PDB file of all heavy atoms in Angstrom:
ATOM      1  N   ALA A   1     110.130 105.306 106.599  1.00  0.00           N
ATOM      2  CA  ALA A   1     109.712 106.251 105.554  1.00  0.00           C
ATOM      3  C   ALA A   1     108.192 106.360 105.488  1.00  0.00           C
ATOM      4  O   ALA A   1     107.641 107.458 105.360  1.00  0.00           O
ATOM      5  CB  ALA A   1     110.267 105.829 104.200  1.00  0.00           C
ATOM      6  N   LEU A   2     107.507 105.222 105.582  1.00  0.00           N
ATOM      7  CA  LEU A   2     106.044 105.261 105.542  1.00  0.00           C
ATOM      8  C   LEU A   2     105.489 105.946 106.782  1.00  0.00           C
ATOM      9  O   LEU A   2     104.517 106.708 106.688  1.00  0.00           O
ATOM     10  CB  LEU A   2     105.481 103.838 105.416  1.00  0.00           C
ATOM     11  CG  LEU A   2     105.730 103.156 104.074  1.00  0.00           C
ATOM     12  CD1 LEU A   2     105.325 101.688 104.141  1.00  0.00           C
ATOM     13  CD2 LEU A   2     104.992 103.859 102.954  1.00  0.00           C
ATOM     14  N   HIS A   3     106.089 105.700 107.934  1.00  0.00           N
ATOM     15  CA  HIS A   3     105.630 106.363 109.156  1.00  0.00           C
ATOM     16  C   HIS A   3     105.810 107.869 109.024  1.00  0.00           C
ATOM     17  O   HIS A   3     104.927 108.652 109.410  1.00  0.00           O
ATOM     18  CB  HIS A   3     106.374 105.836 110.384  1.00  0.00           C
ATOM     19  CG  HIS A   3     105.776 106.305 111.665  1.00  0.00           C
ATOM     20  ND1 HIS A   3     106.148 107.505 112.242  1.00  0.00           N
ATOM     21  CD2 HIS A   3     104.819 105.770 112.445  1.00  0.00           C
ATOM     22  CE1 HIS A   3     105.457 107.676 113.350  1.00  0.00           C
ATOM     23  NE2 HIS A   3     104.634 106.636 113.500  1.00  0.00           N
ATOM     24  N   GLY A   4     106.934 108.290 108.461  1.00  0.00           N
ATOM     25  CA  GLY A   4     107.154 109.722 108.238  1.00  0.00           C
ATOM     26  C   GLY A   4     106.113 110.314 107.307  1.00  0.00           C
ATOM     27  O   GLY A   4     105.627 111.428 107.531  1.00  0.00           O
ATOM     28  N   TYR A   5     105.773 109.576 106.274  1.00  0.00           N
ATOM     29  CA  TYR A   5     104.731 110.002 105.329  1.00  0.00           C
ATOM     30  C   TYR A   5     103.410 110.248 106.076  1.00  0.00           C
ATOM     31  O   TYR A   5     102.769 111.291 105.900  1.00  0.00           O
ATOM     32  CB  TYR A   5     104.566 108.925 104.260  1.00  0.00           C
ATOM     33  CG  TYR A   5     103.423 109.137 103.301  1.00  0.00           C
ATOM     34  CD1 TYR A   5     103.562 109.983 102.202  1.00  0.00           C
ATOM     35  CD2 TYR A   5     102.207 108.476 103.472  1.00  0.00           C
ATOM     36  CE1 TYR A   5     102.515 110.166 101.309  1.00  0.00           C
ATOM     37  CE2 TYR A   5     101.166 108.655 102.578  1.00  0.00           C
ATOM     38  CZ  TYR A   5     101.318 109.502 101.504  1.00  0.00           C
ATOM     39  OH  TYR A   5     100.286 109.688 100.626  1.00  0.00           O
ATOM     40  N   PHE A   6     103.034 109.294 106.911  1.00  0.00           N
ATOM     41  CA  PHE A   6     101.788 109.438 107.672  1.00  0.00           C
ATOM     42  C   PHE A   6     101.899 110.531 108.733  1.00  0.00           C
ATOM     43  O   PHE A   6     100.947 111.282 108.944  1.00  0.00           O
ATOM     44  CB  PHE A   6     101.401 108.117 108.329  1.00  0.00           C
ATOM     45  CG  PHE A   6     100.920 107.063 107.370  1.00  0.00           C
ATOM     46  CD1 PHE A   6     101.491 105.801 107.357  1.00  0.00           C
ATOM     47  CD2 PHE A   6      99.894 107.328 106.475  1.00  0.00           C
ATOM     48  CE1 PHE A   6     101.049 104.822 106.481  1.00  0.00           C
ATOM     49  CE2 PHE A   6      99.442 106.359 105.590  1.00  0.00           C
ATOM     50  CZ  PHE A   6     100.028 105.105 105.592  1.00  0.00           C
ATOM     51  N   ALA A   7     103.030 110.617 109.394  1.00  0.00           N
ATOM     52  CA  ALA A   7     103.212 111.604 110.470  1.00  0.00           C
ATOM     53  C   ALA A   7     103.096 113.031 109.945  1.00  0.00           C
ATOM     54  O   ALA A   7     102.582 113.907 110.645  1.00  0.00           O
ATOM     55  CB  ALA A   7     104.558 111.397 111.157  1.00  0.00           C
ATOM     56  N   ARG A   8     103.551 113.261 108.720  1.00  0.00           N
ATOM     57  CA  ARG A   8     103.447 114.612 108.141  1.00  0.00           C
ATOM     58  C   ARG A   8     102.011 114.953 107.762  1.00  0.00           C
ATOM     59  O   ARG A   8     101.631 116.117 107.717  1.00  0.00           O
ATOM     60  CB  ARG A   8     104.358 114.728 106.918  1.00  0.00           C
ATOM     61  CG  ARG A   8     105.828 114.815 107.266  1.00  0.00           C
ATOM     62  CD  ARG A   8     106.706 115.069 106.057  1.00  0.00           C
ATOM     63  NE  ARG A   8     106.659 114.013 105.060  1.00  0.00           N
ATOM     64  CZ  ARG A   8     107.351 112.872 105.108  1.00  0.00           C
ATOM     65  NH1 ARG A   8     108.124 112.626 106.154  1.00  0.00           N
ATOM     66  NH2 ARG A   8     107.261 111.995 104.140  1.00  0.00           N
ATOM     67  N   ARG A   9     101.203 113.946 107.479  1.00  0.00           N
ATOM     68  CA  ARG A   9      99.845 114.188 106.993  1.00  0.00           C
ATOM     69  C   ARG A   9      98.768 113.997 108.047  1.00  0.00           C
ATOM     70  O   ARG A   9      97.720 114.632 107.980  1.00  0.00           O
ATOM     71  CB  ARG A   9      99.577 113.277 105.795  1.00  0.00           C
ATOM     72  CG  ARG A   9     100.347 113.738 104.563  1.00  0.00           C
ATOM     73  CD  ARG A   9     100.604 112.628 103.578  1.00  0.00           C
ATOM     74  NE  ARG A   9     101.334 113.124 102.415  1.00  0.00           N
ATOM     75  CZ  ARG A   9     102.650 113.285 102.378  1.00  0.00           C
ATOM     76  NH1 ARG A   9     103.383 113.011 103.437  1.00  0.00           N
ATOM     77  NH2 ARG A   9     103.237 113.734 101.287  1.00  0.00           N
ATOM     78  N   ALA A  10      99.007 113.116 108.996  1.00  0.00           N
ATOM     79  CA  ALA A  10      98.033 112.831 110.052  1.00  0.00           C
ATOM     80  C   ALA A  10      98.801 112.451 111.317  1.00  0.00           C
ATOM     81  O   ALA A  10      98.816 111.274 111.708  1.00  0.00           O
ATOM     82  CB  ALA A  10      97.100 111.702 109.619  1.00  0.00           C
ATOM     83  N   PRO A  11      99.448 113.428 111.958  1.00  0.00           N
ATOM     84  CA  PRO A  11     100.356 113.134 113.072  1.00  0.00           C
ATOM     85  C   PRO A  11      99.768 112.265 114.179  1.00  0.00           C
ATOM     86  O   PRO A  11     100.431 111.373 114.674  1.00  0.00           O
ATOM     87  CB  PRO A  11     100.725 114.515 113.613  1.00  0.00           C
ATOM     88  CG  PRO A  11     100.418 115.472 112.524  1.00  0.00           C
ATOM     89  CD  PRO A  11      99.330 114.855 111.701  1.00  0.00           C
ATOM     90  N   GLY A  12      98.544 112.493 114.545  1.00  0.00           N
ATOM     91  CA  GLY A  12      97.944 111.737 115.643  1.00  0.00           C
ATOM     92  C   GLY A  12      97.561 110.316 115.290  1.00  0.00           C
ATOM     93  O   GLY A  12      97.285 109.511 116.175  1.00  0.00           O
ATOM     94  N   ALA A  13      97.550 110.004 114.023  1.00  0.00           N
ATOM     95  CA  ALA A  13      97.105 108.683 113.583  1.00  0.00           C
ATOM     96  C   ALA A  13      98.190 107.903 112.844  1.00  0.00           C
ATOM     97  O   ALA A  13      97.921 106.832 112.308  1.00  0.00           O
ATOM     98  CB  ALA A  13      95.882 108.836 112.682  1.00  0.00           C
ATOM     99  N   ALA A  14      99.423 108.404 112.855  1.00  0.00           N
ATOM    100  CA  ALA A  14     100.483 107.795 112.043  1.00  0.00           C
ATOM    101  C   ALA A  14     100.709 106.320 112.376  1.00  0.00           C
ATOM    102  O   ALA A  14     100.850 105.493 111.471  1.00  0.00           O
ATOM    103  CB  ALA A  14     101.781 108.576 112.198  1.00  0.00           C
ATOM    104  N   ASP A  15     100.735 105.973 113.645  1.00  0.00           N
ATOM    105  CA  ASP A  15     100.980 104.573 114.025  1.00  0.00           C
ATOM    106  C   ASP A  15      99.873 103.660 113.510  1.00  0.00           C
ATOM    107  O   ASP A  15     100.148 102.589 112.959  1.00  0.00           O
ATOM    108  CB  ASP A  15     101.105 104.423 115.545  1.00  0.00           C
ATOM    109  CG  ASP A  15     102.351 105.095 116.108  1.00  0.00           C
ATOM    110  OD1 ASP A  15     103.279 105.417 115.334  1.00  0.00           O
ATOM    111  OD2 ASP A  15     102.395 105.298 117.338  1.00  0.00           O
ATOM    112  N   ASP A  16      98.632 104.077 113.706  1.00  0.00           N
ATOM    113  CA  ASP A  16      97.502 103.264 113.249  1.00  0.00           C
ATOM    114  C   ASP A  16      97.465 103.158 111.726  1.00  0.00           C
ATOM    115  O   ASP A  16      97.175 102.095 111.176  1.00  0.00           O
ATOM    116  CB  ASP A  16      96.177 103.832 113.752  1.00  0.00           C
ATOM    117  CG  ASP A  16      96.018 103.694 115.260  1.00  0.00           C
ATOM    118  OD1 ASP A  16      96.679 102.823 115.857  1.00  0.00           O
ATOM    119  OD2 ASP A  16      95.227 104.462 115.838  1.00  0.00           O
ATOM    120  N   LEU A  17      97.753 104.262 111.058  1.00  0.00           N
ATOM    121  CA  LEU A  17      97.765 104.249 109.595  1.00  0.00           C
ATOM    122  C   LEU A  17      98.874 103.348 109.061  1.00  0.00           C
ATOM    123  O   LEU A  17      98.671 102.615 108.086  1.00  0.00           O
ATOM    124  CB  LEU A  17      97.911 105.665 109.046  1.00  0.00           C
ATOM    125  CG  LEU A  17      96.710 106.578 109.269  1.00  0.00           C
ATOM    126  CD1 LEU A  17      97.077 108.027 108.967  1.00  0.00           C
ATOM    127  CD2 LEU A  17      95.536 106.130 108.418  1.00  0.00           C
ATOM    128  N   LEU A  18     100.023 103.385 109.705  1.00  0.00           N
ATOM    129  CA  LEU A  18     101.126 102.520 109.294  1.00  0.00           C
ATOM    130  C   LEU A  18     100.741 101.052 109.445  1.00  0.00           C
ATOM    131  O   LEU A  18     100.963 100.249 108.532  1.00  0.00           O
ATOM    132  CB  LEU A  18     102.383 102.820 110.105  1.00  0.00           C
ATOM    133  CG  LEU A  18     103.606 101.966 109.770  1.00  0.00           C
ATOM    134  CD1 LEU A  18     104.060 102.186 108.330  1.00  0.00           C
ATOM    135  CD2 LEU A  18     104.735 102.263 110.749  1.00  0.00           C
ATOM    136  N   ALA A  19     100.136 100.712 110.562  1.00  0.00           N
ATOM    137  CA  ALA A  19      99.707  99.323 110.781  1.00  0.00           C
ATOM    138  C   ALA A  19      98.696  98.905 109.713  1.00  0.00           C
ATOM    139  O   ALA A  19      98.796  97.803 109.149  1.00  0.00           O
ATOM    140  CB  ALA A  19      99.111  99.175 112.178  1.00  0.00           C
ATOM    141  N   GLU A  20      97.756  99.770 109.419  1.00  0.00           N
ATOM    142  CA  GLU A  20      96.753  99.460 108.397  1.00  0.00           C
ATOM    143  C   GLU A  20      97.390  99.319 107.019  1.00  0.00           C
ATOM    144  O   GLU A  20      97.026  98.433 106.240  1.00  0.00           O
ATOM    145  CB  GLU A  20      95.662 100.526 108.374  1.00  0.00           C
ATOM    146  CG  GLU A  20      94.555 100.256 107.384  1.00  0.00           C
ATOM    147  CD  GLU A  20      93.786  98.960 107.630  1.00  0.00           C
ATOM    148  OE1 GLU A  20      93.723  98.488 108.788  1.00  0.00           O
ATOM    149  OE2 GLU A  20      93.252  98.398 106.648  1.00  0.00           O
ATOM    150  N   ALA A  21      98.348 100.173 106.720  1.00  0.00           N
ATOM    151  CA  ALA A  21      99.032 100.092 105.426  1.00  0.00           C
ATOM    152  C   ALA A  21      99.748  98.754 105.283  1.00  0.00           C
ATOM    153  O   ALA A  21      99.680  98.120 104.220  1.00  0.00           O
ATOM    154  CB  ALA A  21     100.013 101.256 105.272  1.00  0.00           C
ATOM    155  N   TRP A  22     100.419  98.302 106.331  1.00  0.00           N
ATOM    156  CA  TRP A  22     101.108  97.012 106.249  1.00  0.00           C
ATOM    157  C   TRP A  22     100.127  95.862 106.126  1.00  0.00           C
ATOM    158  O   TRP A  22     100.375  94.905 105.382  1.00  0.00           O
ATOM    159  CB  TRP A  22     102.061  96.820 107.419  1.00  0.00           C
ATOM    160  CG  TRP A  22     103.319  97.617 107.257  1.00  0.00           C
ATOM    161  CD1 TRP A  22     103.813  98.556 108.107  1.00  0.00           C
ATOM    162  CD2 TRP A  22     104.242  97.561 106.169  1.00  0.00           C
ATOM    163  NE1 TRP A  22     104.975  99.086 107.607  1.00  0.00           N
ATOM    164  CE2 TRP A  22     105.270  98.492 106.417  1.00  0.00           C
ATOM    165  CE3 TRP A  22     104.311  96.828 104.988  1.00  0.00           C
ATOM    166  CZ2 TRP A  22     106.337  98.693 105.542  1.00  0.00           C
ATOM    167  CZ3 TRP A  22     105.370  97.026 104.120  1.00  0.00           C
ATOM    168  CH2 TRP A  22     106.368  97.941 104.403  1.00  0.00           C
ATOM    169  N   LEU A  23      99.013  95.932 106.824  1.00  0.00           N
ATOM    170  CA  LEU A  23      97.999  94.883 106.676  1.00  0.00           C
ATOM    171  C   LEU A  23      97.474  94.823 105.249  1.00  0.00           C
ATOM    172  O   LEU A  23      97.357  93.742 104.656  1.00  0.00           O
ATOM    173  CB  LEU A  23      96.832  95.134 107.647  1.00  0.00           C
ATOM    174  CG  LEU A  23      97.098  94.856 109.113  1.00  0.00           C
ATOM    175  CD1 LEU A  23      95.922  95.356 109.960  1.00  0.00           C
ATOM    176  CD2 LEU A  23      97.334  93.370 109.337  1.00  0.00           C
ATOM    177  N   GLN A  24      97.179  95.979 104.691  1.00  0.00           N
ATOM    178  CA  GLN A  24      96.653  96.012 103.327  1.00  0.00           C
ATOM    179  C   GLN A  24      97.714  95.595 102.302  1.00  0.00           C
ATOM    180  O   GLN A  24      97.415  94.871 101.345  1.00  0.00           O
ATOM    181  CB  GLN A  24      96.103  97.399 102.998  1.00  0.00           C
ATOM    182  CG  GLN A  24      94.796  97.677 103.719  1.00  0.00           C
ATOM    183  CD  GLN A  24      94.134  98.951 103.257  1.00  0.00           C
ATOM    184  OE1 GLN A  24      94.370  99.435 102.150  1.00  0.00           O
ATOM    185  NE2 GLN A  24      93.291  99.516 104.110  1.00  0.00           N
ATOM    186  N   ALA A  25      98.948  96.044 102.502  1.00  0.00           N
ATOM    187  CA  ALA A  25     100.021  95.678 101.571  1.00  0.00           C
ATOM    188  C   ALA A  25     100.264  94.174 101.598  1.00  0.00           C
ATOM    189  O   ALA A  25     100.422  93.545 100.547  1.00  0.00           O
ATOM    190  CB  ALA A  25     101.297  96.441 101.914  1.00  0.00           C
ATOM    191  N   PHE A  26     100.268  93.592 102.782  1.00  0.00           N
ATOM    192  CA  PHE A  26     100.485  92.150 102.883  1.00  0.00           C
ATOM    193  C   PHE A  26      99.359  91.389 102.194  1.00  0.00           C
ATOM    194  O   PHE A  26      99.596  90.458 101.427  1.00  0.00           O
ATOM    195  CB  PHE A  26     100.616  91.723 104.342  1.00  0.00           C
ATOM    196  CG  PHE A  26     100.969  90.276 104.497  1.00  0.00           C
ATOM    197  CD1 PHE A  26     102.273  89.846 104.318  1.00  0.00           C
ATOM    198  CD2 PHE A  26      99.995  89.344 104.812  1.00  0.00           C
ATOM    199  CE1 PHE A  26     102.603  88.507 104.442  1.00  0.00           C
ATOM    200  CE2 PHE A  26     100.312  88.001 104.935  1.00  0.00           C
ATOM    201  CZ  PHE A  26     101.618  87.575 104.752  1.00  0.00           C
ATOM    202  N   ALA A  27      98.135  91.820 102.438  1.00  0.00           N
ATOM    203  CA  ALA A  27      96.979  91.141 101.837  1.00  0.00           C
ATOM    204  C   ALA A  27      96.974  91.280 100.315  1.00  0.00           C
ATOM    205  O   ALA A  27      96.494  90.388  99.610  1.00  0.00           O
ATOM    206  CB  ALA A  27      95.685  91.698 102.420  1.00  0.00           C
ATOM    207  N   ALA A  28      97.518  92.382  99.808  1.00  0.00           N
ATOM    208  CA  ALA A  28      97.483  92.646  98.363  1.00  0.00           C
ATOM    209  C   ALA A  28      98.823  92.379  97.678  1.00  0.00           C
ATOM    210  O   ALA A  28      98.998  92.721  96.511  1.00  0.00           O
ATOM    211  CB  ALA A  28      97.070  94.101  98.131  1.00  0.00           C
ATOM    212  N   ARG A  29      99.756  91.753  98.371  1.00  0.00           N
ATOM    213  CA  ARG A  29     101.096  91.574  97.813  1.00  0.00           C
ATOM    214  C   ARG A  29     101.090  90.861  96.470  1.00  0.00           C
ATOM    215  O   ARG A  29     101.962  91.084  95.641  1.00  0.00           O
ATOM    216  CB  ARG A  29     102.019  90.890  98.816  1.00  0.00           C
ATOM    217  CG  ARG A  29     101.655  89.463  99.137  1.00  0.00           C
ATOM    218  CD  ARG A  29     102.407  88.980 100.371  1.00  0.00           C
ATOM    219  NE  ARG A  29     102.187  87.575 100.640  1.00  0.00           N
ATOM    220  CZ  ARG A  29     101.114  87.070 101.250  1.00  0.00           C
ATOM    221  NH1 ARG A  29     100.149  87.888 101.666  1.00  0.00           N
ATOM    222  NH2 ARG A  29     101.006  85.780 101.459  1.00  0.00           N
ATOM    223  N   HIS A  30     100.098  90.045  96.221  1.00  0.00           N
ATOM    224  CA  HIS A  30     100.009  89.324  94.940  1.00  0.00           C
ATOM    225  C   HIS A  30      99.693  90.262  93.766  1.00  0.00           C
ATOM    226  O   HIS A  30      99.865  89.891  92.613  1.00  0.00           O
ATOM    227  CB  HIS A  30      98.948  88.218  95.024  1.00  0.00           C
ATOM    228  CG  HIS A  30      97.564  88.752  95.175  1.00  0.00           C
ATOM    229  ND1 HIS A  30      97.068  89.184  96.399  1.00  0.00           N
ATOM    230  CD2 HIS A  30      96.595  88.954  94.270  1.00  0.00           C
ATOM    231  CE1 HIS A  30      95.826  89.625  96.215  1.00  0.00           C
ATOM    232  NE2 HIS A  30      95.520  89.497  94.938  1.00  0.00           N
ATOM    233  N   THR A  31      99.269  91.491  94.047  1.00  0.00           N
ATOM    234  CA  THR A  31      98.931  92.434  92.974  1.00  0.00           C
ATOM    235  C   THR A  31     100.132  93.240  92.504  1.00  0.00           C
ATOM    236  O   THR A  31     100.022  93.964  91.510  1.00  0.00           O
ATOM    237  CB  THR A  31      97.820  93.408  93.410  1.00  0.00           C
ATOM    238  OG1 THR A  31      98.318  94.272  94.433  1.00  0.00           O
ATOM    239  CG2 THR A  31      96.583  92.660  93.894  1.00  0.00           C
ATOM    240  N   PHE A  32     101.262  93.132  93.204  1.00  0.00           N
ATOM    241  CA  PHE A  32     102.451  93.898  92.803  1.00  0.00           C
ATOM    242  C   PHE A  32     102.934  93.428  91.445  1.00  0.00           C
ATOM    243  O   PHE A  32     103.074  92.246  91.182  1.00  0.00           O
ATOM    244  CB  PHE A  32     103.567  93.742  93.837  1.00  0.00           C
ATOM    245  CG  PHE A  32     104.865  94.343  93.382  1.00  0.00           C
ATOM    246  CD1 PHE A  32     104.997  95.717  93.267  1.00  0.00           C
ATOM    247  CD2 PHE A  32     105.942  93.540  93.034  1.00  0.00           C
ATOM    248  CE1 PHE A  32     106.179  96.286  92.827  1.00  0.00           C
ATOM    249  CE2 PHE A  32     107.129  94.092  92.600  1.00  0.00           C
ATOM    250  CZ  PHE A  32     107.256  95.466  92.498  1.00  0.00           C
ATOM    251  N   ASP A  33     103.224  94.402  90.574  1.00  0.00           N
ATOM    252  CA  ASP A  33     103.729  94.125  89.244  1.00  0.00           C
ATOM    253  C   ASP A  33     104.940  95.034  89.004  1.00  0.00           C
ATOM    254  O   ASP A  33     104.779  96.247  88.824  1.00  0.00           O
ATOM    255  CB  ASP A  33     102.647  94.383  88.199  1.00  0.00           C
ATOM    256  CG  ASP A  33     103.091  94.136  86.776  1.00  0.00           C
ATOM    257  OD1 ASP A  33     104.252  93.741  86.554  1.00  0.00           O
ATOM    258  OD2 ASP A  33     102.264  94.340  85.875  1.00  0.00           O
ATOM    259  N   ALA A  34     106.134  94.446  89.008  1.00  0.00           N
ATOM    260  CA  ALA A  34     107.361  95.233  88.844  1.00  0.00           C
ATOM    261  C   ALA A  34     107.400  95.965  87.512  1.00  0.00           C
ATOM    262  O   ALA A  34     108.079  96.983  87.386  1.00  0.00           O
ATOM    263  CB  ALA A  34     108.574  94.330  88.987  1.00  0.00           C
ATOM    264  N   ALA A  35     106.658  95.489  86.535  1.00  0.00           N
ATOM    265  CA  ALA A  35     106.621  96.168  85.239  1.00  0.00           C
ATOM    266  C   ALA A  35     105.914  97.521  85.331  1.00  0.00           C
ATOM    267  O   ALA A  35     106.093  98.378  84.476  1.00  0.00           O
ATOM    268  CB  ALA A  35     105.930  95.286  84.194  1.00  0.00           C
ATOM    269  N   ARG A  36     105.122  97.704  86.384  1.00  0.00           N
ATOM    270  CA  ARG A  36     104.368  98.953  86.544  1.00  0.00           C
ATOM    271  C   ARG A  36     105.032  99.917  87.512  1.00  0.00           C
ATOM    272  O   ARG A  36     104.560 101.043  87.680  1.00  0.00           O
ATOM    273  CB  ARG A  36     102.951  98.633  87.014  1.00  0.00           C
ATOM    274  CG  ARG A  36     102.178  97.820  85.974  1.00  0.00           C
ATOM    275  CD  ARG A  36     100.795  97.479  86.424  1.00  0.00           C
ATOM    276  NE  ARG A  36     100.034  98.683  86.664  1.00  0.00           N
ATOM    277  CZ  ARG A  36      98.967  98.744  87.453  1.00  0.00           C
ATOM    278  NH1 ARG A  36      98.531  97.666  88.064  1.00  0.00           N
ATOM    279  NH2 ARG A  36      98.338  99.879  87.624  1.00  0.00           N
ATOM    280  N   GLY A  37     106.093  99.483  88.190  1.00  0.00           N
ATOM    281  CA  GLY A  37     106.770 100.355  89.142  1.00  0.00           C
ATOM    282  C   GLY A  37     107.514  99.557  90.190  1.00  0.00           C
ATOM    283  O   GLY A  37     107.444  98.335  90.228  1.00  0.00           O
ATOM    284  N   SER A  38     108.203 100.280  91.046  1.00  0.00           N
ATOM    285  CA  SER A  38     109.033  99.659  92.077  1.00  0.00           C
ATOM    286  C   SER A  38     108.206  99.239  93.290  1.00  0.00           C
ATOM    287  O   SER A  38     107.082  99.707  93.494  1.00  0.00           O
ATOM    288  CB  SER A  38     110.110 100.640  92.533  1.00  0.00           C
ATOM    289  OG  SER A  38     109.513 101.710  93.257  1.00  0.00           O
ATOM    290  N   ALA A  39     108.801  98.383  94.102  1.00  0.00           N
ATOM    291  CA  ALA A  39     108.169  97.980  95.360  1.00  0.00           C
ATOM    292  C   ALA A  39     107.924  99.213  96.235  1.00  0.00           C
ATOM    293  O   ALA A  39     106.861  99.352  96.844  1.00  0.00           O
ATOM    294  CB  ALA A  39     109.039  96.958  96.089  1.00  0.00           C
ATOM    295  N   ARG A  40     108.903 100.114  96.274  1.00  0.00           N
ATOM    296  CA  ARG A  40     108.762 101.331  97.078  1.00  0.00           C
ATOM    297  C   ARG A  40     107.561 102.152  96.604  1.00  0.00           C
ATOM    298  O   ARG A  40     106.749 102.599  97.406  1.00  0.00           O
ATOM    299  CB  ARG A  40     110.038 102.168  96.993  1.00  0.00           C
ATOM    300  CG  ARG A  40     110.009 103.395  97.872  1.00  0.00           C
ATOM    301  CD  ARG A  40     111.324 104.190  97.742  1.00  0.00           C
ATOM    302  NE  ARG A  40     111.479 105.165  98.783  1.00  0.00           N
ATOM    303  CZ  ARG A  40     110.846 106.326  98.826  1.00  0.00           C
ATOM    304  NH1 ARG A  40     110.000 106.658  97.877  1.00  0.00           N
ATOM    305  NH2 ARG A  40     111.058 107.167  99.828  1.00  0.00           N
TER     306      ARG A  40
END
């Protein structure tokens, strides 16, 4: 789903953007607050 999101907005960079998103999400995982919204 995230790759599709990137592919629709930046087709040539979707793979790199997806990798960066996962790196940032992993690094910031401690900031997730279920009271503010879903994991998705």
